[in-house]
Amino acid sequence: MNSPRDPDLDRQLQFLRALLDDNASIDGDVLQISETTWAIHGDIAVDGEVLMAEFASYEEARYVLDQVRGITLPTTEPGSPNREEGPS
């Protein structure tokens, strides 16, 4: 897998963050398009469900998706430090 400092992964991550800034939503899974192509997908207002970024490996796609989710979708599992607790 490429290191987190890989410029291509950084570029994909910045692109996805820009889409989020424009009110797109990114799904939480990675799709296999072919034996050597993996994708992150989601919804944009004009086109609906679209592929948003392509990668050469599942690991690269998962890394970028995890980075995006870490900023936009905090974990809500019980006991998570990011979980917003409701009234007791």
Protein backbone atom coordinates (compact mmCIF):
# COMPACT_ATOMS: atom_id res chain seq x y z
CA MET A 1 0.00 0.00 0.00
CA ASN A 2 1.15 3.53 -0.63
CA SER A 3 2.19 5.58 2.33
CA PRO A 4 -0.18 8.24 3.68
CA ARG A 5 2.14 10.86 2.12
CA ASP A 6 1.47 9.56 -1.39
CA PRO A 7 0.58 12.65 -3.46
CA ASP A 8 -2.11 10.79 -5.41
CA LEU A 9 -3.88 9.74 -2.22
CA ASP A 10 -3.57 13.26 -0.82
CA ARG A 11 -5.07 14.64 -4.04
CA GLN A 12 -8.00 12.20 -3.88
CA LEU A 13 -8.56 13.06 -0.22
CA GLN A 14 -8.61 16.79 -0.93
CA PHE A 15 -11.00 16.25 -3.83
CA LEU A 16 -13.43 14.29 -1.65
CA ARG A 17 -13.25 16.93 1.08
CA ALA A 18 -14.08 19.59 -1.52
CA LEU A 19 -17.11 17.54 -2.61
CA LEU A 20 -18.26 17.38 1.01
CA ASP A 21 -17.88 21.15 1.28
CA ASP A 22 -20.25 21.36 -1.69
CA ASN A 23 -22.85 19.25 0.16
CA ALA A 24 -22.13 15.89 -1.47
CA SER A 25 -22.52 12.77 0.64
CA ILE A 26 -20.02 9.93 0.59
CA ASP A 27 -21.11 6.35 1.20
CA GLY A 28 -19.20 4.38 3.80
CA ASP A 29 -18.10 1.47 1.66
CA VAL A 30 -15.57 0.74 -1.08
CA LEU A 31 -16.75 -0.75 -4.37
CA GLN A 32 -14.74 -3.15 -6.50
CA ILE A 33 -15.07 -2.01 -10.12
CA SER A 34 -12.64 -4.56 -11.62
CA GLU A 35 -9.80 -6.79 -10.44
CA THR A 36 -7.51 -3.78 -10.21
CA THR A 37 -9.90 -0.88 -9.63
CA TRP A 38 -11.66 0.15 -6.43
CA ALA A 39 -13.86 3.19 -5.90
CA ILE A 40 -15.43 5.47 -3.33
CA HIS A 41 -18.94 6.54 -4.28
CA GLY A 42 -21.69 8.81 -3.06
CA ASP A 43 -24.40 11.27 -4.00
CA ILE A 44 -24.21 14.72 -5.53
CA ALA A 45 -27.19 16.98 -6.06
CA VAL A 46 -27.08 17.14 -9.86
CA ASP A 47 -26.19 13.55 -10.81
CA GLY A 48 -27.27 11.42 -7.86
CA GLU A 49 -25.16 8.32 -7.16
CA VAL A 50 -21.70 8.61 -8.75
CA LEU A 51 -18.18 7.26 -8.46
CA MET A 52 -16.15 9.94 -6.72
CA ALA A 53 -12.63 8.51 -6.64
CA GLU A 54 -10.83 5.47 -8.09
CA PHE A 55 -7.90 3.56 -6.64
CA ALA A 56 -5.56 0.75 -7.66
CA SER A 57 -6.17 -1.20 -4.44
CA TYR A 58 -8.77 -1.73 -1.76
CA GLU A 59 -6.25 -0.62 0.87
CA GLU A 60 -5.72 2.76 -0.81
CA ALA A 61 -9.46 3.36 -1.14
CA ARG A 62 -10.11 2.29 2.46
CA TYR A 63 -7.32 4.55 3.75
CA VAL A 64 -8.74 7.61 1.98
CA LEU A 65 -12.32 6.77 2.98
CA ASP A 66 -11.24 6.37 6.61
CA GLN A 67 -9.50 9.75 6.47
CA VAL A 68 -12.60 11.44 5.07
CA ARG A 69 -14.89 9.72 7.57
CA GLY A 70 -12.64 10.69 10.45
CA ILE A 71 -13.35 14.31 9.65
CA THR A 72 -16.98 14.12 8.60
CA LEU A 73 -18.53 11.11 10.30
CA PRO A 74 -17.40 10.68 13.91
CA THR A 75 -17.81 7.23 15.37
CA THR A 76 -21.09 6.78 17.21
CA GLU A 77 -20.45 3.37 18.74
CA PRO A 78 -20.97 3.06 22.50
CA GLY A 79 -17.87 4.00 24.43
CA SER A 80 -16.35 5.97 21.58
CA PRO A 81 -14.72 9.23 22.67
CA ASN A 82 -16.42 10.97 19.71
CA ARG A 83 -19.91 9.79 20.55
CA GLU A 84 -22.41 12.43 21.51
CA GLU A 85 -24.24 11.14 24.54
CA GLY A 86 -27.94 11.93 24.81
CA PRO A 87 -29.79 12.74 28.00
CA SER A 88 -29.58 10.05 30.67
